[in-house]
Amino acid sequence: MNPKIKPEHLGRAAVVYVRQSTLGQVEHHTESKRRQYSLVDTAAQLGFASIGTIDDDLGRSGSGLVERPGFQKLVAMVWQWKRGRGALH
């Protein structure tokens, strides 16, 4: 167990945000995508009971010129958790 992860952390939900900037990366850099998704297994091995994945932004640039609904979802979830009303869905 990682000494930085305390029991109170494991009671919270973990979220893996998966993103690649272009459709070419999604199609050709499959190892990167596989490694990002494998973080779900890593979170489970660390002891997180509730783990979600947000992958709505595959193939969307982070340049600010393209909307990223997955990132917006992630920010909204963090905001709700900070206010004590968050739930993983």
PDB file of N, CA and C in Angstrom:
ATOM      1  N   MET A   1       0.842  -1.177   0.000  1.00  0.00           N
ATOM      2  CA  MET A   1       0.000   0.000   0.000  1.00  0.00           C
ATOM      3  C   MET A   1       0.885   1.238   0.000  1.00  0.00           C
ATOM      4  N   ASN A   2       0.475   2.206  -0.763  1.00  0.00           N
ATOM      5  CA  ASN A   2       1.183   3.471  -0.820  1.00  0.00           C
ATOM      6  C   ASN A   2       0.954   4.223   0.493  1.00  0.00           C
ATOM      7  N   PRO A   3       2.031   4.650   1.189  1.00  0.00           N
ATOM      8  CA  PRO A   3       1.846   5.303   2.488  1.00  0.00           C
ATOM      9  C   PRO A   3       1.127   6.652   2.390  1.00  0.00           C
ATOM     10  N   LYS A   4       1.051   7.230   1.203  1.00  0.00           N
ATOM     11  CA  LYS A   4       0.342   8.502   1.048  1.00  0.00           C
ATOM     12  C   LYS A   4      -1.170   8.311   0.979  1.00  0.00           C
ATOM     13  N   ILE A   5      -1.613   7.086   0.730  1.00  0.00           N
ATOM     14  CA  ILE A   5      -3.047   6.814   0.625  1.00  0.00           C
ATOM     15  C   ILE A   5      -3.534   6.307   1.976  1.00  0.00           C
ATOM     16  N   LYS A   6      -4.372   7.091   2.585  1.00  0.00           N
ATOM     17  CA  LYS A   6      -4.900   6.797   3.913  1.00  0.00           C
ATOM     18  C   LYS A   6      -6.290   6.160   3.796  1.00  0.00           C
ATOM     19  N   PRO A   7      -6.757   5.492   4.848  1.00  0.00           N
ATOM     20  CA  PRO A   7      -8.087   4.876   4.813  1.00  0.00           C
ATOM     21  C   PRO A   7      -9.202   5.855   4.420  1.00  0.00           C
ATOM     22  N   GLU A   8      -9.093   7.114   4.862  1.00  0.00           N
ATOM     23  CA  GLU A   8     -10.132   8.085   4.504  1.00  0.00           C
ATOM     24  C   GLU A   8     -10.144   8.389   3.000  1.00  0.00           C
ATOM     25  N   HIS A   9      -9.008   8.222   2.336  1.00  0.00           N
ATOM     26  CA  HIS A   9      -8.974   8.393   0.882  1.00  0.00           C
ATOM     27  C   HIS A   9      -9.710   7.254   0.185  1.00  0.00           C
ATOM     28  N   LEU A  10      -9.529   6.042   0.699  1.00  0.00           N
ATOM     29  CA  LEU A  10     -10.129   4.869   0.063  1.00  0.00           C
ATOM     30  C   LEU A  10     -11.652   4.881   0.154  1.00  0.00           C
ATOM     31  N   GLY A  11     -12.183   5.657   1.085  1.00  0.00           N
ATOM     32  CA  GLY A  11     -13.621   5.791   1.198  1.00  0.00           C
ATOM     33  C   GLY A  11     -14.226   6.716   0.149  1.00  0.00           C
ATOM     34  N   ARG A  12     -13.379   7.430  -0.545  1.00  0.00           N
ATOM     35  CA  ARG A  12     -13.833   8.325  -1.609  1.00  0.00           C
ATOM     36  C   ARG A  12     -13.803   7.574  -2.940  1.00  0.00           C
ATOM     37  N   ALA A  13     -14.473   8.127  -3.913  1.00  0.00           N
ATOM     38  CA  ALA A  13     -14.442   7.540  -5.254  1.00  0.00           C
ATOM     39  C   ALA A  13     -13.159   7.952  -5.970  1.00  0.00           C
ATOM     40  N   ALA A  14     -12.664   7.080  -6.793  1.00  0.00           N
ATOM     41  CA  ALA A  14     -11.536   7.382  -7.677  1.00  0.00           C
ATOM     42  C   ALA A  14     -12.093   7.501  -9.095  1.00  0.00           C
ATOM     43  N   VAL A  15     -11.547   8.433  -9.859  1.00  0.00           N
ATOM     44  CA  VAL A  15     -11.976   8.630 -11.242  1.00  0.00           C
ATOM     45  C   VAL A  15     -10.749   8.647 -12.137  1.00  0.00           C
ATOM     46  N   VAL A  16     -10.798   7.872 -13.202  1.00  0.00           N
ATOM     47  CA  VAL A  16      -9.733   7.854 -14.195  1.00  0.00           C
ATOM     48  C   VAL A  16     -10.232   8.639 -15.407  1.00  0.00           C
ATOM     49  N   TYR A  17      -9.517   9.702 -15.744  1.00  0.00           N
ATOM     50  CA  TYR A  17      -9.862  10.546 -16.899  1.00  0.00           C
ATOM     51  C   TYR A  17      -8.934  10.139 -18.040  1.00  0.00           C
ATOM     52  N   VAL A  18      -9.514   9.614 -19.111  1.00  0.00           N
ATOM     53  CA  VAL A  18      -8.754   9.109 -20.254  1.00  0.00           C
ATOM     54  C   VAL A  18      -8.921  10.084 -21.410  1.00  0.00           C
ATOM     55  N   ARG A  19      -7.786  10.536 -21.999  1.00  0.00           N
ATOM     56  CA  ARG A  19      -7.881  11.452 -23.127  1.00  0.00           C
ATOM     57  C   ARG A  19      -6.667  11.301 -24.025  1.00  0.00           C
ATOM     58  N   GLN A  20      -6.906  11.398 -25.301  1.00  0.00           N
ATOM     59  CA  GLN A  20      -5.859  11.533 -26.306  1.00  0.00           C
ATOM     60  C   GLN A  20      -6.298  12.653 -27.231  1.00  0.00           C
ATOM     61  N   SER A  21      -5.343  13.435 -27.726  1.00  0.00           N
ATOM     62  CA  SER A  21      -5.652  14.688 -28.408  1.00  0.00           C
ATOM     63  C   SER A  21      -6.242  14.554 -29.799  1.00  0.00           C
ATOM     64  N   THR A  22      -5.895  13.508 -30.509  1.00  0.00           N
ATOM     65  CA  THR A  22      -6.356  13.394 -31.893  1.00  0.00           C
ATOM     66  C   THR A  22      -6.925  12.007 -32.152  1.00  0.00           C
ATOM     67  N   LEU A  23      -7.754  11.896 -33.184  1.00  0.00           N
ATOM     68  CA  LEU A  23      -8.268  10.582 -33.562  1.00  0.00           C
ATOM     69  C   LEU A  23      -7.133   9.672 -34.019  1.00  0.00           C
ATOM     70  N   GLY A  24      -6.093  10.258 -34.618  1.00  0.00           N
ATOM     71  CA  GLY A  24      -4.920   9.472 -35.010  1.00  0.00           C
ATOM     72  C   GLY A  24      -4.257   8.817 -33.812  1.00  0.00           C
ATOM     73  N   GLN A  25      -4.152   9.548 -32.710  1.00  0.00           N
ATOM     74  CA  GLN A  25      -3.585   8.967 -31.495  1.00  0.00           C
ATOM     75  C   GLN A  25      -4.475   7.851 -30.972  1.00  0.00           C
ATOM     76  N   VAL A  26      -5.771   8.071 -31.012  1.00  0.00           N
ATOM     77  CA  VAL A  26      -6.709   7.043 -30.539  1.00  0.00           C
ATOM     78  C   VAL A  26      -6.542   5.765 -31.353  1.00  0.00           C
ATOM     79  N   GLU A  27      -6.404   5.919 -32.677  1.00  0.00           N
ATOM     80  CA  GLU A  27      -6.303   4.756 -33.568  1.00  0.00           C
ATOM     81  C   GLU A  27      -4.932   4.090 -33.537  1.00  0.00           C
ATOM     82  N   HIS A  28      -3.860   4.872 -33.409  1.00  0.00           N
ATOM     83  CA  HIS A  28      -2.512   4.323 -33.591  1.00  0.00           C
ATOM     84  C   HIS A  28      -1.692   4.199 -32.308  1.00  0.00           C
ATOM     85  N   HIS A  29      -2.037   4.936 -31.276  1.00  0.00           N
ATOM     86  CA  HIS A  29      -1.286   4.872 -30.023  1.00  0.00           C
ATOM     87  C   HIS A  29      -2.084   4.070 -29.002  1.00  0.00           C
ATOM     88  N   THR A  30      -2.347   2.847 -29.352  1.00  0.00           N
ATOM     89  CA  THR A  30      -3.203   2.011 -28.514  1.00  0.00           C
ATOM     90  C   THR A  30      -2.571   1.691 -27.162  1.00  0.00           C
ATOM     91  N   GLU A  31      -1.257   1.679 -27.095  1.00  0.00           N
ATOM     92  CA  GLU A  31      -0.582   1.393 -25.825  1.00  0.00           C
ATOM     93  C   GLU A  31      -0.860   2.506 -24.811  1.00  0.00           C
ATOM     94  N   SER A  32      -0.842   3.731 -25.268  1.00  0.00           N
ATOM     95  CA  SER A  32      -1.150   4.856 -24.382  1.00  0.00           C
ATOM     96  C   SER A  32      -2.560   4.741 -23.832  1.00  0.00           C
ATOM     97  N   LYS A  33      -3.496   4.439 -24.707  1.00  0.00           N
ATOM     98  CA  LYS A  33      -4.887   4.292 -24.273  1.00  0.00           C
ATOM     99  C   LYS A  33      -5.018   3.117 -23.308  1.00  0.00           C
ATOM    100  N   ARG A  34      -4.361   2.009 -23.605  1.00  0.00           N
ATOM    101  CA  ARG A  34      -4.414   0.835 -22.729  1.00  0.00           C
ATOM    102  C   ARG A  34      -3.864   1.169 -21.343  1.00  0.00           C
ATOM    103  N   ARG A  35      -2.760   1.901 -21.297  1.00  0.00           N
ATOM    104  CA  ARG A  35      -2.160   2.265 -20.007  1.00  0.00           C
ATOM    105  C   ARG A  35      -3.069   3.186 -19.200  1.00  0.00           C
ATOM    106  N   GLN A  36      -3.728   4.104 -19.893  1.00  0.00           N
ATOM    107  CA  GLN A  36      -4.645   4.996 -19.180  1.00  0.00           C
ATOM    108  C   GLN A  36      -5.805   4.208 -18.576  1.00  0.00           C
ATOM    109  N   TYR A  37      -6.380   3.309 -19.357  1.00  0.00           N
ATOM    110  CA  TYR A  37      -7.480   2.487 -18.828  1.00  0.00           C
ATOM    111  C   TYR A  37      -6.992   1.564 -17.705  1.00  0.00           C
ATOM    112  N   SER A  38      -5.736   1.142 -17.745  1.00  0.00           N
ATOM    113  CA  SER A  38      -5.223   0.243 -16.712  1.00  0.00           C
ATOM    114  C   SER A  38      -5.134   0.924 -15.348  1.00  0.00           C
ATOM    115  N   LEU A  39      -5.247   2.257 -15.324  1.00  0.00           N
ATOM    116  CA  LEU A  39      -5.247   2.959 -14.043  1.00  0.00           C
ATOM    117  C   LEU A  39      -6.466   2.585 -13.198  1.00  0.00           C
ATOM    118  N   VAL A  40      -7.518   2.090 -13.827  1.00  0.00           N
ATOM    119  CA  VAL A  40      -8.679   1.586 -13.078  1.00  0.00           C
ATOM    120  C   VAL A  40      -8.234   0.389 -12.237  1.00  0.00           C
ATOM    121  N   ASP A  41      -7.476  -0.521 -12.835  1.00  0.00           N
ATOM    122  CA  ASP A  41      -6.965  -1.680 -12.095  1.00  0.00           C
ATOM    123  C   ASP A  41      -6.021  -1.243 -10.982  1.00  0.00           C
ATOM    124  N   THR A  42      -5.200  -0.246 -11.257  1.00  0.00           N
ATOM    125  CA  THR A  42      -4.278   0.262 -10.246  1.00  0.00           C
ATOM    126  C   THR A  42      -5.049   0.813  -9.053  1.00  0.00           C
ATOM    127  N   ALA A  43      -6.096   1.579  -9.323  1.00  0.00           N
ATOM    128  CA  ALA A  43      -6.911   2.124  -8.233  1.00  0.00           C
ATOM    129  C   ALA A  43      -7.553   1.001  -7.419  1.00  0.00           C
ATOM    130  N   ALA A  44      -8.018  -0.039  -8.095  1.00  0.00           N
ATOM    131  CA  ALA A  44      -8.612  -1.179  -7.385  1.00  0.00           C
ATOM    132  C   ALA A  44      -7.565  -1.883  -6.523  1.00  0.00           C
ATOM    133  N   GLN A  45      -6.367  -2.056  -7.050  1.00  0.00           N
ATOM    134  CA  GLN A  45      -5.299  -2.705  -6.287  1.00  0.00           C
ATOM    135  C   GLN A  45      -4.919  -1.883  -5.057  1.00  0.00           C
ATOM    136  N   LEU A  46      -5.052  -0.563  -5.167  1.00  0.00           N
ATOM    137  CA  LEU A  46      -4.743   0.305  -4.027  1.00  0.00           C
ATOM    138  C   LEU A  46      -5.835   0.261  -2.966  1.00  0.00           C
ATOM    139  N   GLY A  47      -7.013  -0.260  -3.341  1.00  0.00           N
ATOM    140  CA  GLY A  47      -8.067  -0.427  -2.359  1.00  0.00           C
ATOM    141  C   GLY A  47      -9.282   0.473  -2.530  1.00  0.00           C
ATOM    142  N   PHE A  48      -9.335   1.256  -3.602  1.00  0.00           N
ATOM    143  CA  PHE A  48     -10.515   2.084  -3.840  1.00  0.00           C
ATOM    144  C   PHE A  48     -11.678   1.169  -4.217  1.00  0.00           C
ATOM    145  N   ALA A  49     -12.797   1.343  -3.545  1.00  0.00           N
ATOM    146  CA  ALA A  49     -13.956   0.483  -3.794  1.00  0.00           C
ATOM    147  C   ALA A  49     -14.812   1.011  -4.932  1.00  0.00           C
ATOM    148  N   SER A  50     -14.832   2.317  -5.098  1.00  0.00           N
ATOM    149  CA  SER A  50     -15.660   2.951  -6.125  1.00  0.00           C
ATOM    150  C   SER A  50     -14.737   3.640  -7.131  1.00  0.00           C
ATOM    151  N   ILE A  51     -14.761   3.154  -8.367  1.00  0.00           N
ATOM    152  CA  ILE A  51     -13.854   3.672  -9.403  1.00  0.00           C
ATOM    153  C   ILE A  51     -14.659   3.920 -10.667  1.00  0.00           C
ATOM    154  N   GLY A  52     -14.542   5.120 -11.193  1.00  0.00           N
ATOM    155  CA  GLY A  52     -15.220   5.459 -12.430  1.00  0.00           C
ATOM    156  C   GLY A  52     -14.229   5.820 -13.511  1.00  0.00           C
ATOM    157  N   THR A  53     -14.703   5.791 -14.736  1.00  0.00           N
ATOM    158  CA  THR A  53     -13.877   6.156 -15.884  1.00  0.00           C
ATOM    159  C   THR A  53     -14.616   7.199 -16.706  1.00  0.00           C
ATOM    160  N   ILE A  54     -13.913   8.257 -17.059  1.00  0.00           N
ATOM    161  CA  ILE A  54     -14.456   9.266 -17.963  1.00  0.00           C
ATOM    162  C   ILE A  54     -13.583   9.236 -19.209  1.00  0.00           C
ATOM    163  N   ASP A  55     -14.171   8.822 -20.330  1.00  0.00           N
ATOM    164  CA  ASP A  55     -13.395   8.744 -21.571  1.00  0.00           C
ATOM    165  C   ASP A  55     -14.119   9.436 -22.731  1.00  0.00           C
ATOM    166  N   ASP A  56     -14.904  10.441 -22.393  1.00  0.00           N
ATOM    167  CA  ASP A  56     -15.674  11.169 -23.402  1.00  0.00           C
ATOM    168  C   ASP A  56     -14.797  12.014 -24.328  1.00  0.00           C
ATOM    169  N   ASP A  57     -13.559  12.258 -23.945  1.00  0.00           N
ATOM    170  CA  ASP A  57     -12.724  13.197 -24.688  1.00  0.00           C
ATOM    171  C   ASP A  57     -11.648  12.538 -25.549  1.00  0.00           C
ATOM    172  N   LEU A  58     -11.790  11.262 -25.833  1.00  0.00           N
ATOM    173  CA  LEU A  58     -10.830  10.615 -26.725  1.00  0.00           C
ATOM    174  C   LEU A  58     -10.905  11.277 -28.103  1.00  0.00           C
ATOM    175  N   GLY A  59      -9.769  11.731 -28.602  1.00  0.00           N
ATOM    176  CA  GLY A  59      -9.722  12.383 -29.901  1.00  0.00           C
ATOM    177  C   GLY A  59     -10.041  13.864 -29.854  1.00  0.00           C
ATOM    178  N   ARG A  60     -10.089  14.443 -28.647  1.00  0.00           N
ATOM    179  CA  ARG A  60     -10.380  15.874 -28.519  1.00  0.00           C
ATOM    180  C   ARG A  60      -9.154  16.586 -27.953  1.00  0.00           C
ATOM    181  N   SER A  61      -8.749  17.632 -28.625  1.00  0.00           N
ATOM    182  CA  SER A  61      -7.585  18.401 -28.221  1.00  0.00           C
ATOM    183  C   SER A  61      -7.852  19.152 -26.923  1.00  0.00           C
ATOM    184  N   GLY A  62      -6.808  19.354 -26.156  1.00  0.00           N
ATOM    185  CA  GLY A  62      -6.897  20.164 -24.946  1.00  0.00           C
ATOM    186  C   GLY A  62      -6.523  21.609 -25.197  1.00  0.00           C
ATOM    187  N   SER A  63      -6.476  22.027 -26.456  1.00  0.00           N
ATOM    188  CA  SER A  63      -6.025  23.372 -26.820  1.00  0.00           C
ATOM    189  C   SER A  63      -6.974  24.471 -26.378  1.00  0.00           C
ATOM    190  N   GLY A  64      -8.188  24.112 -26.022  1.00  0.00           N
ATOM    191  CA  GLY A  64      -9.175  25.117 -25.659  1.00  0.00           C
ATOM    192  C   GLY A  64     -10.065  25.494 -26.822  1.00  0.00           C
ATOM    193  N   LEU A  65      -9.759  25.006 -28.006  1.00  0.00           N
ATOM    194  CA  LEU A  65     -10.555  25.321 -29.190  1.00  0.00           C
ATOM    195  C   LEU A  65     -11.697  24.333 -29.388  1.00  0.00           C
ATOM    196  N   VAL A  66     -11.633  23.209 -28.688  1.00  0.00           N
ATOM    197  CA  VAL A  66     -12.640  22.158 -28.809  1.00  0.00           C
ATOM    198  C   VAL A  66     -13.233  21.905 -27.422  1.00  0.00           C
ATOM    199  N   GLU A  67     -14.544  21.776 -27.358  1.00  0.00           N
ATOM    200  CA  GLU A  67     -15.159  21.456 -26.072  1.00  0.00           C
ATOM    201  C   GLU A  67     -14.762  20.058 -25.640  1.00  0.00           C
ATOM    202  N   ARG A  68     -14.581  19.899 -24.345  1.00  0.00           N
ATOM    203  CA  ARG A  68     -14.266  18.589 -23.779  1.00  0.00           C
ATOM    204  C   ARG A  68     -15.309  18.249 -22.719  1.00  0.00           C
ATOM    205  N   PRO A  69     -16.388  17.597 -23.129  1.00  0.00           N
ATOM    206  CA  PRO A  69     -17.456  17.293 -22.164  1.00  0.00           C
ATOM    207  C   PRO A  69     -16.986  16.402 -21.016  1.00  0.00           C
ATOM    208  N   GLY A  70     -16.038  15.523 -21.270  1.00  0.00           N
ATOM    209  CA  GLY A  70     -15.533  14.661 -20.199  1.00  0.00           C
ATOM    210  C   GLY A  70     -14.815  15.460 -19.135  1.00  0.00           C
ATOM    211  N   PHE A  71     -14.019  16.436 -19.555  1.00  0.00           N
ATOM    212  CA  PHE A  71     -13.310  17.280 -18.588  1.00  0.00           C
ATOM    213  C   PHE A  71     -14.312  18.119 -17.801  1.00  0.00           C
ATOM    214  N   GLN A  72     -15.320  18.631 -18.482  1.00  0.00           N
ATOM    215  CA  GLN A  72     -16.357  19.398 -17.787  1.00  0.00           C
ATOM    216  C   GLN A  72     -17.062  18.520 -16.753  1.00  0.00           C
ATOM    217  N   LYS A  73     -17.312  17.257 -17.093  1.00  0.00           N
ATOM    218  CA  LYS A  73     -17.931  16.309 -16.163  1.00  0.00           C
ATOM    219  C   LYS A  73     -17.021  16.087 -14.948  1.00  0.00           C
ATOM    220  N   LEU A  74     -15.718  15.940 -15.191  1.00  0.00           N
ATOM    221  CA  LEU A  74     -14.764  15.730 -14.112  1.00  0.00           C
ATOM    222  C   LEU A  74     -14.733  16.929 -13.169  1.00  0.00           C
ATOM    223  N   VAL A  75     -14.667  18.129 -13.717  1.00  0.00           N
ATOM    224  CA  VAL A  75     -14.645  19.340 -12.896  1.00  0.00           C
ATOM    225  C   VAL A  75     -15.927  19.450 -12.072  1.00  0.00           C
ATOM    226  N   ALA A  76     -17.062  19.151 -12.690  1.00  0.00           N
ATOM    227  CA  ALA A  76     -18.344  19.202 -11.968  1.00  0.00           C
ATOM    228  C   ALA A  76     -18.369  18.192 -10.817  1.00  0.00           C
ATOM    229  N   MET A  77     -17.816  16.998 -11.046  1.00  0.00           N
ATOM    230  CA  MET A  77     -17.776  15.981  -9.996  1.00  0.00           C
ATOM    231  C   MET A  77     -16.913  16.448  -8.824  1.00  0.00           C
ATOM    232  N   VAL A  78     -15.753  17.015  -9.126  1.00  0.00           N
ATOM    233  CA  VAL A  78     -14.865  17.504  -8.062  1.00  0.00           C
ATOM    234  C   VAL A  78     -15.555  18.621  -7.289  1.00  0.00           C
ATOM    235  N   TRP A  79     -16.203  19.520  -7.992  1.00  0.00           N
ATOM    236  CA  TRP A  79     -16.913  20.619  -7.338  1.00  0.00           C
ATOM    237  C   TRP A  79     -17.987  20.072  -6.389  1.00  0.00           C
ATOM    238  N   GLN A  80     -18.742  19.090  -6.843  1.00  0.00           N
ATOM    239  CA  GLN A  80     -19.791  18.511  -6.001  1.00  0.00           C
ATOM    240  C   GLN A  80     -19.195  17.797  -4.791  1.00  0.00           C
ATOM    241  N   TRP A  81     -18.100  17.075  -4.995  1.00  0.00           N
ATOM    242  CA  TRP A  81     -17.466  16.383  -3.871  1.00  0.00           C
ATOM    243  C   TRP A  81     -16.977  17.379  -2.832  1.00  0.00           C
ATOM    244  N   LYS A  82     -16.402  18.472  -3.289  1.00  0.00           N
ATOM    245  CA  LYS A  82     -15.902  19.478  -2.345  1.00  0.00           C
ATOM    246  C   LYS A  82     -17.041  20.079  -1.538  1.00  0.00           C
ATOM    247  N   ARG A  83     -18.211  20.113  -2.096  1.00  0.00           N
ATOM    248  CA  ARG A  83     -19.378  20.657  -1.396  1.00  0.00           C
ATOM    249  C   ARG A  83     -20.111  19.554  -0.635  1.00  0.00           C
ATOM    250  N   GLY A  84     -19.583  18.336  -0.645  1.00  0.00           N
ATOM    251  CA  GLY A  84     -20.152  17.244   0.133  1.00  0.00           C
ATOM    252  C   GLY A  84     -21.365  16.583  -0.481  1.00  0.00           C
ATOM    253  N   ARG A  85     -21.575  16.791  -1.781  1.00  0.00           N
ATOM    254  CA  ARG A  85     -22.755  16.220  -2.419  1.00  0.00           C
ATOM    255  C   ARG A  85     -22.401  15.303  -3.579  1.00  0.00           C
ATOM    256  N   GLY A  86     -21.158  14.942  -3.682  1.00  0.00           N
ATOM    257  CA  GLY A  86     -20.738  14.173  -4.837  1.00  0.00           C
ATOM    258  C   GLY A  86     -21.070  12.694  -4.748  1.00  0.00           C
ATOM    259  N   ALA A  87     -21.345  12.135  -5.881  1.00  0.00           N
ATOM    260  CA  ALA A  87     -21.557  10.683  -5.997  1.00  0.00           C
ATOM    261  C   ALA A  87     -21.017  10.257  -7.343  1.00  0.00           C
ATOM    262  N   LEU A  88     -20.457   9.091  -7.395  1.00  0.00           N
ATOM    263  CA  LEU A  88     -19.928   8.559  -8.633  1.00  0.00           C
ATOM    264  C   LEU A  88     -21.051   7.901  -9.409  1.00  0.00           C
ATOM    265  N   HIS A  89     -21.223   8.312 -10.664  1.00  0.00           N
ATOM    266  CA  HIS A  89     -22.260   7.693 -11.494  1.00  0.00           C
ATOM    267  C   HIS A  89     -21.760   7.538 -12.895  1.00  0.00           C
TER     268      HIS A  89
END
